[in-house]
Amino acid sequence: MKKLLLIPLLLLPATVYATTYEWVDSKGTVNFTEDLGKVPKKYRKKVRVIGDETGAPQITETTESTGKGAPVTKASERQPERKTLYGGKDEKTWRADFAQARGELKVAEQDVREIGTRMKDISKMSRTEYLTLQNSLRQDEARMQGKRKRLDELTAEADAAGVPADFRQ
């Protein structure tokens, strides 16, 4: 019964909100990026925004500070307010990265728990089904460990960049 409820949920598309910038360089190559600061200055006026919900593109350029403290940001004329960057990422990006990492870990943990629950009663399953579940459990546990490692790496990266703790929620 749980399988029947889970299948329609898996078939629903996941909603992803992202802004992608597209431009064509002098050689005619179409380029894409999610960071407008990575678009060469001579192509910024010709950037096409894909998936934008806010309107005009915003450019944030970073110059590393020579002293202690947070990096200094220099915003272009299109962006009136300055954003503080930590390791090249703003608050919104850090929050999104942590939310994604935690969400992926939560899904992997749920998958491991679900297979563990299914394996508790092996009296009604064939050997092939049991071995398949056992293999799936090993794969899901490895995936879960990978997601934990990614979250730990992101935390270490945030620590090194001086990201405030409330951005990590």
N, C-alpha and C. Protein backbone atom coordinates (compact mmCIF):
# COMPACT_ATOMS: atom_id res chain seq x y z
N MET A 1 0.82 -1.20 0.00
CA MET A 1 0.00 0.00 0.00
C MET A 1 0.86 1.26 0.00
N LYS A 2 1.95 1.23 0.78
CA LYS A 2 2.84 2.38 0.83
C LYS A 2 3.47 2.63 -0.53
N LYS A 3 3.77 1.54 -1.25
CA LYS A 3 4.36 1.69 -2.58
C LYS A 3 3.41 2.43 -3.51
N LEU A 4 2.14 2.10 -3.41
CA LEU A 4 1.17 2.74 -4.28
C LEU A 4 1.04 4.23 -3.99
N LEU A 5 1.21 4.61 -2.73
CA LEU A 5 1.15 6.03 -2.38
C LEU A 5 2.43 6.75 -2.75
N LEU A 6 3.53 6.06 -2.72
CA LEU A 6 4.82 6.67 -3.00
C LEU A 6 5.05 6.90 -4.49
N ILE A 7 4.54 6.03 -5.32
CA ILE A 7 4.77 6.14 -6.77
C ILE A 7 4.24 7.45 -7.34
N PRO A 8 3.00 7.89 -7.05
CA PRO A 8 2.55 9.17 -7.61
C PRO A 8 3.40 10.35 -7.13
N LEU A 9 3.88 10.29 -5.91
CA LEU A 9 4.72 11.37 -5.40
C LEU A 9 6.04 11.44 -6.16
N LEU A 10 6.59 10.30 -6.51
CA LEU A 10 7.85 10.29 -7.24
C LEU A 10 7.67 10.76 -8.68
N LEU A 11 6.47 10.64 -9.20
CA LEU A 11 6.22 11.05 -10.58
C LEU A 11 5.98 12.55 -10.69
N LEU A 12 5.68 13.21 -9.58
CA LEU A 12 5.48 14.65 -9.61
C LEU A 12 6.82 15.34 -9.82
N PRO A 13 6.85 16.33 -10.69
CA PRO A 13 8.13 17.03 -10.89
C PRO A 13 8.47 17.88 -9.68
N ALA A 14 9.73 17.95 -9.36
CA ALA A 14 10.19 18.80 -8.27
C ALA A 14 10.34 20.23 -8.79
N THR A 15 9.90 21.19 -8.00
CA THR A 15 10.00 22.59 -8.39
C THR A 15 11.36 23.11 -7.96
N VAL A 16 12.08 23.67 -8.92
CA VAL A 16 13.40 24.22 -8.65
C VAL A 16 13.39 25.67 -9.10
N TYR A 17 13.79 26.55 -8.20
CA TYR A 17 13.86 27.96 -8.51
C TYR A 17 15.31 28.36 -8.64
N ALA A 18 15.69 28.73 -9.86
CA ALA A 18 17.06 29.17 -10.09
C ALA A 18 17.06 30.16 -11.23
N THR A 19 18.00 31.06 -11.20
CA THR A 19 18.18 32.01 -12.28
C THR A 19 19.43 31.61 -13.04
N THR A 20 19.28 31.45 -14.34
CA THR A 20 20.40 31.10 -15.20
C THR A 20 20.59 32.23 -16.20
N TYR A 21 21.84 32.56 -16.44
CA TYR A 21 22.17 33.62 -17.38
C TYR A 21 22.79 32.99 -18.62
N GLU A 22 22.34 33.44 -19.79
CA GLU A 22 22.82 32.91 -21.06
C GLU A 22 23.38 34.06 -21.89
N TRP A 23 24.51 33.82 -22.55
CA TRP A 23 25.08 34.82 -23.44
C TRP A 23 25.85 34.11 -24.53
N VAL A 24 26.04 34.82 -25.64
CA VAL A 24 26.79 34.29 -26.77
C VAL A 24 28.08 35.08 -26.88
N ASP A 25 29.22 34.37 -26.91
CA ASP A 25 30.51 35.06 -26.99
C ASP A 25 30.85 35.40 -28.44
N SER A 26 32.02 35.99 -28.66
CA SER A 26 32.42 36.46 -29.99
C SER A 26 32.62 35.31 -30.98
N LYS A 27 32.83 34.09 -30.50
CA LYS A 27 32.99 32.92 -31.37
C LYS A 27 31.65 32.27 -31.70
N GLY A 28 30.58 32.79 -31.12
CA GLY A 28 29.25 32.22 -31.36
C GLY A 28 28.88 31.11 -30.40
N THR A 29 29.68 30.88 -29.38
CA THR A 29 29.40 29.83 -28.39
C THR A 29 28.38 30.33 -27.38
N VAL A 30 27.36 29.53 -27.14
CA VAL A 30 26.35 29.87 -26.15
C VAL A 30 26.87 29.41 -24.79
N ASN A 31 26.88 30.32 -23.83
CA ASN A 31 27.39 30.04 -22.49
C ASN A 31 26.28 30.23 -21.47
N PHE A 32 26.37 29.46 -20.36
CA PHE A 32 25.39 29.55 -19.28
C PHE A 32 26.13 29.65 -17.94
N THR A 33 25.54 30.36 -16.99
CA THR A 33 26.07 30.43 -15.64
C THR A 33 24.93 30.82 -14.70
N GLU A 34 25.11 30.53 -13.42
CA GLU A 34 24.14 30.95 -12.41
C GLU A 34 24.62 32.18 -11.65
N ASP A 35 25.83 32.63 -11.98
CA ASP A 35 26.43 33.78 -11.31
C ASP A 35 26.74 34.83 -12.36
N LEU A 36 26.02 35.94 -12.33
CA LEU A 36 26.20 36.99 -13.33
C LEU A 36 27.59 37.60 -13.26
N GLY A 37 28.24 37.51 -12.12
CA GLY A 37 29.60 38.01 -11.98
C GLY A 37 30.60 37.23 -12.83
N LYS A 38 30.23 36.02 -13.27
CA LYS A 38 31.12 35.21 -14.09
C LYS A 38 30.96 35.51 -15.58
N VAL A 39 29.98 36.34 -15.94
CA VAL A 39 29.81 36.74 -17.33
C VAL A 39 30.83 37.84 -17.63
N PRO A 40 31.63 37.69 -18.70
CA PRO A 40 32.57 38.75 -19.04
C PRO A 40 31.84 40.09 -19.24
N LYS A 41 32.47 41.17 -18.79
CA LYS A 41 31.82 42.48 -18.80
C LYS A 41 31.32 42.89 -20.17
N LYS A 42 32.06 42.55 -21.24
CA LYS A 42 31.64 42.99 -22.56
C LYS A 42 30.37 42.29 -23.05
N TYR A 43 29.95 41.19 -22.40
CA TYR A 43 28.74 40.48 -22.80
C TYR A 43 27.56 40.72 -21.86
N ARG A 44 27.75 41.43 -20.78
CA ARG A 44 26.70 41.58 -19.77
C ARG A 44 25.46 42.30 -20.29
N LYS A 45 25.62 43.21 -21.23
CA LYS A 45 24.46 43.92 -21.77
C LYS A 45 23.60 43.02 -22.64
N LYS A 46 24.19 41.92 -23.13
CA LYS A 46 23.48 41.00 -24.02
C LYS A 46 23.02 39.73 -23.31
N VAL A 47 23.12 39.69 -21.99
CA VAL A 47 22.74 38.51 -21.21
C VAL A 47 21.23 38.30 -21.29
N ARG A 48 20.86 37.04 -21.50
CA ARG A 48 19.45 36.66 -21.46
C ARG A 48 19.22 35.93 -20.15
N VAL A 49 18.20 36.35 -19.40
CA VAL A 49 17.92 35.77 -18.08
C VAL A 49 16.89 34.66 -18.25
N ILE A 50 17.21 33.48 -17.72
CA ILE A 50 16.32 32.33 -17.79
C ILE A 50 15.88 31.99 -16.38
N GLY A 51 14.58 31.91 -16.12
CA GLY A 51 14.07 31.53 -14.81
C GLY A 51 14.15 32.64 -13.79
N ASP A 52 14.17 33.88 -14.23
CA ASP A 52 14.28 35.01 -13.29
C ASP A 52 12.90 35.38 -12.78
N GLU A 53 12.81 35.60 -11.49
CA GLU A 53 11.54 35.98 -10.88
C GLU A 53 11.55 37.44 -10.44
N THR A 54 12.72 38.06 -10.41
CA THR A 54 12.82 39.40 -9.85
C THR A 54 12.95 40.50 -10.88
N GLY A 55 13.32 40.18 -12.11
CA GLY A 55 13.44 41.21 -13.12
C GLY A 55 14.85 41.34 -13.63
N ALA A 56 15.45 42.52 -13.47
CA ALA A 56 16.76 42.82 -14.04
C ALA A 56 17.86 41.99 -13.41
N PRO A 57 18.88 41.64 -14.21
CA PRO A 57 20.00 40.90 -13.66
C PRO A 57 20.78 41.73 -12.66
N GLN A 58 21.34 41.06 -11.67
CA GLN A 58 22.15 41.74 -10.67
C GLN A 58 23.56 41.18 -10.74
N ILE A 59 24.54 42.08 -10.67
CA ILE A 59 25.93 41.69 -10.75
C ILE A 59 26.60 42.00 -9.42
N THR A 60 27.29 41.03 -8.89
CA THR A 60 28.06 41.25 -7.68
C THR A 60 29.48 40.81 -7.96
N GLU A 61 30.41 41.73 -7.80
CA GLU A 61 31.82 41.41 -7.98
C GLU A 61 32.48 41.47 -6.62
N THR A 62 33.42 40.58 -6.40
CA THR A 62 34.06 40.50 -5.11
C THR A 62 35.54 40.83 -5.24
N THR A 63 36.03 41.62 -4.30
CA THR A 63 37.46 41.82 -4.16
C THR A 63 37.81 41.41 -2.76
N GLU A 64 38.80 40.55 -2.66
CA GLU A 64 39.17 40.05 -1.34
C GLU A 64 39.81 41.17 -0.52
N SER A 65 39.49 41.21 0.74
CA SER A 65 40.07 42.22 1.62
C SER A 65 41.47 41.78 2.03
N THR A 66 42.31 42.77 2.29
CA THR A 66 43.67 42.44 2.71
C THR A 66 43.77 42.32 4.22
N GLY A 67 42.82 42.90 4.93
CA GLY A 67 42.85 42.82 6.39
C GLY A 67 41.95 41.72 6.88
N LYS A 68 41.70 41.75 8.17
CA LYS A 68 40.83 40.74 8.77
C LYS A 68 39.38 41.15 8.58
N GLY A 69 38.48 40.18 8.67
CA GLY A 69 37.06 40.47 8.58
C GLY A 69 36.48 39.95 7.27
N ALA A 70 35.25 40.38 6.98
CA ALA A 70 34.53 39.91 5.80
C ALA A 70 35.09 40.55 4.54
N PRO A 71 34.97 39.87 3.40
CA PRO A 71 35.44 40.44 2.15
C PRO A 71 34.65 41.70 1.79
N VAL A 72 35.30 42.58 1.07
CA VAL A 72 34.67 43.81 0.63
C VAL A 72 33.96 43.53 -0.69
N THR A 73 32.75 44.02 -0.85
CA THR A 73 32.03 43.81 -2.09
C THR A 73 31.90 45.11 -2.85
N LYS A 74 31.98 45.01 -4.17
CA LYS A 74 31.83 46.16 -5.03
C LYS A 74 30.69 45.83 -5.98
N ALA A 75 29.58 46.53 -5.89
CA ALA A 75 28.42 46.22 -6.71
C ALA A 75 28.41 47.10 -7.94
N SER A 76 27.86 46.58 -9.02
CA SER A 76 27.77 47.36 -10.26
C SER A 76 26.62 48.34 -10.17
N GLU A 77 26.48 49.14 -11.23
CA GLU A 77 25.42 50.16 -11.23
C GLU A 77 24.02 49.55 -11.27
N ARG A 78 23.88 48.30 -11.66
CA ARG A 78 22.57 47.66 -11.71
C ARG A 78 22.09 47.22 -10.33
N GLN A 79 22.97 47.11 -9.38
CA GLN A 79 22.61 46.64 -8.05
C GLN A 79 22.87 47.75 -7.04
N PRO A 80 21.83 48.43 -6.57
CA PRO A 80 22.02 49.57 -5.70
C PRO A 80 22.54 49.22 -4.31
N GLU A 81 22.19 48.06 -3.77
CA GLU A 81 22.61 47.73 -2.42
C GLU A 81 23.79 46.76 -2.45
N ARG A 82 24.64 46.85 -1.43
CA ARG A 82 25.80 45.97 -1.34
C ARG A 82 25.43 44.72 -0.56
N LYS A 83 25.96 43.61 -1.02
CA LYS A 83 25.75 42.35 -0.31
C LYS A 83 27.08 41.90 0.26
N THR A 84 27.05 41.41 1.48
CA THR A 84 28.26 40.88 2.08
C THR A 84 28.42 39.44 1.60
N LEU A 85 29.59 39.14 1.10
CA LEU A 85 29.87 37.80 0.60
C LEU A 85 30.80 37.08 1.56
N TYR A 86 30.55 35.81 1.72
CA TYR A 86 31.37 34.93 2.55
C TYR A 86 31.88 33.83 1.64
N GLY A 87 33.16 33.83 1.36
CA GLY A 87 33.70 32.81 0.48
C GLY A 87 33.12 32.88 -0.92
N GLY A 88 32.74 34.08 -1.35
CA GLY A 88 32.19 34.27 -2.69
C GLY A 88 30.70 34.02 -2.81
N LYS A 89 30.03 33.71 -1.70
CA LYS A 89 28.59 33.43 -1.72
C LYS A 89 27.88 34.38 -0.78
N ASP A 90 26.66 34.78 -1.15
CA ASP A 90 25.88 35.64 -0.29
C ASP A 90 25.02 34.81 0.67
N GLU A 91 24.30 35.49 1.53
CA GLU A 91 23.47 34.81 2.54
C GLU A 91 22.47 33.85 1.91
N LYS A 92 21.79 34.31 0.88
CA LYS A 92 20.76 33.49 0.23
C LYS A 92 21.36 32.18 -0.31
N THR A 93 22.53 32.28 -0.91
CA THR A 93 23.19 31.10 -1.47
C THR A 93 23.61 30.13 -0.38
N TRP A 94 24.19 30.66 0.71
CA TRP A 94 24.58 29.78 1.82
C TRP A 94 23.36 29.07 2.40
N ARG A 95 22.29 29.83 2.62
CA ARG A 95 21.07 29.22 3.18
C ARG A 95 20.53 28.13 2.25
N ALA A 96 20.52 28.41 0.95
CA ALA A 96 20.03 27.43 -0.03
C ALA A 96 20.92 26.19 -0.06
N ASP A 97 22.24 26.39 -0.01
CA ASP A 97 23.16 25.25 -0.02
C ASP A 97 22.95 24.35 1.20
N PHE A 98 22.81 24.96 2.38
CA PHE A 98 22.59 24.17 3.58
C PHE A 98 21.22 23.48 3.55
N ALA A 99 20.20 24.18 3.08
CA ALA A 99 18.87 23.57 3.00
C ALA A 99 18.88 22.38 2.05
N GLN A 100 19.55 22.53 0.92
CA GLN A 100 19.63 21.44 -0.05
C GLN A 100 20.39 20.25 0.54
N ALA A 101 21.53 20.51 1.16
CA ALA A 101 22.33 19.43 1.74
C ALA A 101 21.56 18.69 2.83
N ARG A 102 20.88 19.44 3.68
CA ARG A 102 20.10 18.79 4.75
C ARG A 102 18.91 18.02 4.17
N GLY A 103 18.26 18.58 3.16
CA GLY A 103 17.13 17.90 2.53
C GLY A 103 17.55 16.60 1.87
N GLU A 104 18.67 16.62 1.16
CA GLU A 104 19.16 15.40 0.51
C GLU A 104 19.55 14.35 1.54
N LEU A 105 20.15 14.77 2.64
CA LEU A 105 20.51 13.84 3.70
C LEU A 105 19.26 13.23 4.33
N LYS A 106 18.25 14.06 4.54
CA LYS A 106 17.01 13.58 5.14
C LYS A 106 16.34 12.53 4.25
N VAL A 107 16.33 12.76 2.95
CA VAL A 107 15.74 11.80 2.01
C VAL A 107 16.53 10.49 2.04
N ALA A 108 17.85 10.57 2.04
CA ALA A 108 18.68 9.37 2.07
C ALA A 108 18.45 8.59 3.37
N GLU A 109 18.36 9.29 4.50
CA GLU A 109 18.10 8.62 5.77
C GLU A 109 16.73 7.95 5.76
N GLN A 110 15.74 8.60 5.18
CA GLN A 110 14.39 8.02 5.10
C GLN A 110 14.41 6.76 4.24
N ASP A 111 15.16 6.78 3.14
CA ASP A 111 15.25 5.61 2.28
C ASP A 111 15.88 4.43 3.03
N VAL A 112 16.91 4.69 3.80
CA VAL A 112 17.56 3.63 4.58
C VAL A 112 16.59 3.07 5.62
N ARG A 113 15.88 3.96 6.30
CA ARG A 113 14.89 3.49 7.30
C ARG A 113 13.80 2.65 6.65
N GLU A 114 13.35 3.08 5.49
CA GLU A 114 12.26 2.36 4.81
C GLU A 114 12.70 0.95 4.42
N ILE A 115 13.89 0.83 3.87
CA ILE A 115 14.38 -0.50 3.50
C ILE A 115 14.62 -1.35 4.74
N GLY A 116 15.15 -0.74 5.80
CA GLY A 116 15.34 -1.46 7.06
C GLY A 116 14.03 -2.00 7.60
N THR A 117 12.98 -1.22 7.49
CA THR A 117 11.65 -1.66 7.94
C THR A 117 11.16 -2.82 7.09
N ARG A 118 11.35 -2.73 5.79
CA ARG A 118 10.91 -3.81 4.89
C ARG A 118 11.67 -5.10 5.16
N MET A 119 12.92 -4.98 5.58
CA MET A 119 13.73 -6.18 5.80
C MET A 119 13.47 -6.84 7.15
N LYS A 120 12.68 -6.21 8.01
CA LYS A 120 12.39 -6.80 9.32
C LYS A 120 11.55 -8.07 9.19
N ASP A 121 10.66 -8.10 8.20
CA ASP A 121 9.82 -9.28 8.01
C ASP A 121 10.19 -9.94 6.69
N ILE A 122 11.12 -10.87 6.76
CA ILE A 122 11.59 -11.52 5.54
C ILE A 122 10.86 -12.84 5.27
N SER A 123 9.91 -13.17 6.12
CA SER A 123 9.23 -14.47 5.98
C SER A 123 8.39 -14.56 4.72
N LYS A 124 7.95 -13.43 4.17
CA LYS A 124 7.06 -13.45 3.01
C LYS A 124 7.76 -13.03 1.72
N MET A 125 9.09 -12.98 1.73
CA MET A 125 9.77 -12.57 0.51
C MET A 125 10.70 -13.66 0.02
N SER A 126 10.93 -13.62 -1.27
CA SER A 126 11.84 -14.60 -1.89
C SER A 126 13.29 -14.22 -1.59
N ARG A 127 14.16 -15.16 -1.84
CA ARG A 127 15.59 -14.90 -1.63
C ARG A 127 16.08 -13.78 -2.56
N THR A 128 15.58 -13.79 -3.78
CA THR A 128 15.97 -12.75 -4.74
C THR A 128 15.55 -11.38 -4.25
N GLU A 129 14.32 -11.29 -3.75
CA GLU A 129 13.84 -10.00 -3.23
C GLU A 129 14.66 -9.57 -2.02
N TYR A 130 14.99 -10.52 -1.16
CA TYR A 130 15.81 -10.21 0.01
C TYR A 130 17.19 -9.70 -0.40
N LEU A 131 17.82 -10.40 -1.35
CA LEU A 131 19.15 -9.97 -1.81
C LEU A 131 19.10 -8.61 -2.50
N THR A 132 18.02 -8.36 -3.22
CA THR A 132 17.84 -7.06 -3.87
C THR A 132 17.71 -5.96 -2.83
N LEU A 133 16.92 -6.23 -1.80
CA LEU A 133 16.76 -5.25 -0.71
C LEU A 133 18.08 -5.02 0.01
N GLN A 134 18.81 -6.09 0.23
CA GLN A 134 20.10 -5.99 0.91
C GLN A 134 21.07 -5.12 0.09
N ASN A 135 21.09 -5.32 -1.21
CA ASN A 135 21.94 -4.52 -2.09
C ASN A 135 21.48 -3.06 -2.10
N SER A 136 20.17 -2.85 -2.16
CA SER A 136 19.64 -1.48 -2.14
C SER A 136 19.99 -0.78 -0.82
N LEU A 137 19.93 -1.54 0.26
CA LEU A 137 20.28 -0.97 1.57
C LEU A 137 21.74 -0.53 1.59
N ARG A 138 22.63 -1.36 1.06
CA ARG A 138 24.05 -0.99 1.01
C ARG A 138 24.25 0.27 0.17
N GLN A 139 23.58 0.34 -0.96
CA GLN A 139 23.71 1.51 -1.83
C GLN A 139 23.16 2.76 -1.16
N ASP A 140 22.01 2.63 -0.51
CA ASP A 140 21.40 3.78 0.16
C ASP A 140 22.24 4.24 1.36
N GLU A 141 22.83 3.28 2.08
CA GLU A 141 23.70 3.66 3.18
C GLU A 141 24.94 4.40 2.68
N ALA A 142 25.49 3.95 1.56
CA ALA A 142 26.64 4.64 0.97
C ALA A 142 26.24 6.05 0.51
N ARG A 143 25.06 6.16 -0.08
CA ARG A 143 24.57 7.48 -0.52
C ARG A 143 24.35 8.38 0.69
N MET A 144 23.80 7.83 1.77
CA MET A 144 23.58 8.61 2.98
C MET A 144 24.91 9.10 3.56
N GLN A 145 25.91 8.24 3.57
CA GLN A 145 27.23 8.64 4.07
C GLN A 145 27.82 9.74 3.19
N GLY A 146 27.60 9.64 1.88
CA GLY A 146 28.06 10.69 0.97
C GLY A 146 27.38 12.02 1.25
N LYS A 147 26.09 11.98 1.55
CA LYS A 147 25.35 13.21 1.86
C LYS A 147 25.81 13.79 3.19
N ARG A 148 26.10 12.94 4.16
CA ARG A 148 26.64 13.43 5.44
C ARG A 148 28.00 14.09 5.23
N LYS A 149 28.82 13.45 4.40
CA LYS A 149 30.15 14.00 4.13
C LYS A 149 30.01 15.35 3.43
N ARG A 150 29.08 15.47 2.49
CA ARG A 150 28.87 16.74 1.79
C ARG A 150 28.44 17.83 2.77
N LEU A 151 27.54 17.50 3.71
CA LEU A 151 27.10 18.47 4.70
C LEU A 151 28.27 18.87 5.60
N ASP A 152 29.11 17.91 5.98
CA ASP A 152 30.29 18.21 6.79
C ASP A 152 31.26 19.11 6.03
N GLU A 153 31.46 18.83 4.74
CA GLU A 153 32.34 19.66 3.91
C GLU A 153 31.79 21.08 3.78
N LEU A 154 30.47 21.19 3.60
CA LEU A 154 29.84 22.50 3.49
C LEU A 154 29.99 23.27 4.80
N THR A 155 29.86 22.59 5.92
CA THR A 155 30.04 23.22 7.22
C THR A 155 31.48 23.69 7.39
N ALA A 156 32.43 22.88 6.99
CA ALA A 156 33.84 23.27 7.08
C ALA A 156 34.13 24.47 6.18
N GLU A 157 33.54 24.46 4.98
CA GLU A 157 33.70 25.59 4.05
C GLU A 157 33.10 26.86 4.65
N ALA A 158 31.94 26.72 5.28
CA ALA A 158 31.29 27.87 5.92
C ALA A 158 32.11 28.38 7.09
N ASP A 159 32.68 27.47 7.87
CA ASP A 159 33.54 27.87 8.98
C ASP A 159 34.74 28.67 8.47
N ALA A 160 35.36 28.19 7.41
CA ALA A 160 36.53 28.86 6.85
C ALA A 160 36.18 30.23 6.28
N ALA A 161 34.96 30.37 5.77
CA ALA A 161 34.55 31.64 5.17
C ALA A 161 33.96 32.60 6.21
N GLY A 162 33.78 32.14 7.43
CA GLY A 162 33.23 33.00 8.49
C GLY A 162 31.74 33.23 8.36
N VAL A 163 31.02 32.23 7.86
CA VAL A 163 29.57 32.34 7.68
C VAL A 163 28.88 32.31 9.04
N PRO A 164 27.99 33.28 9.32
CA PRO A 164 27.27 33.28 10.60
C PRO A 164 26.43 32.00 10.77
N ALA A 165 26.27 31.58 12.00
CA ALA A 165 25.55 30.33 12.30
C ALA A 165 24.09 30.38 11.84
N ASP A 166 23.45 31.54 11.87
CA ASP A 166 22.03 31.60 11.48
C ASP A 166 21.83 31.39 9.98
N PHE A 167 22.87 31.52 9.15
CA PHE A 167 22.75 31.24 7.72
C PHE A 167 22.69 29.73 7.46
N ARG A 168 23.09 28.95 8.44
CA ARG A 168 23.21 27.51 8.27
C ARG A 168 21.94 26.77 8.64
N GLN A 169 20.92 27.46 9.03
CA GLN A 169 19.67 26.83 9.48
C GLN A 169 18.87 26.30 8.35
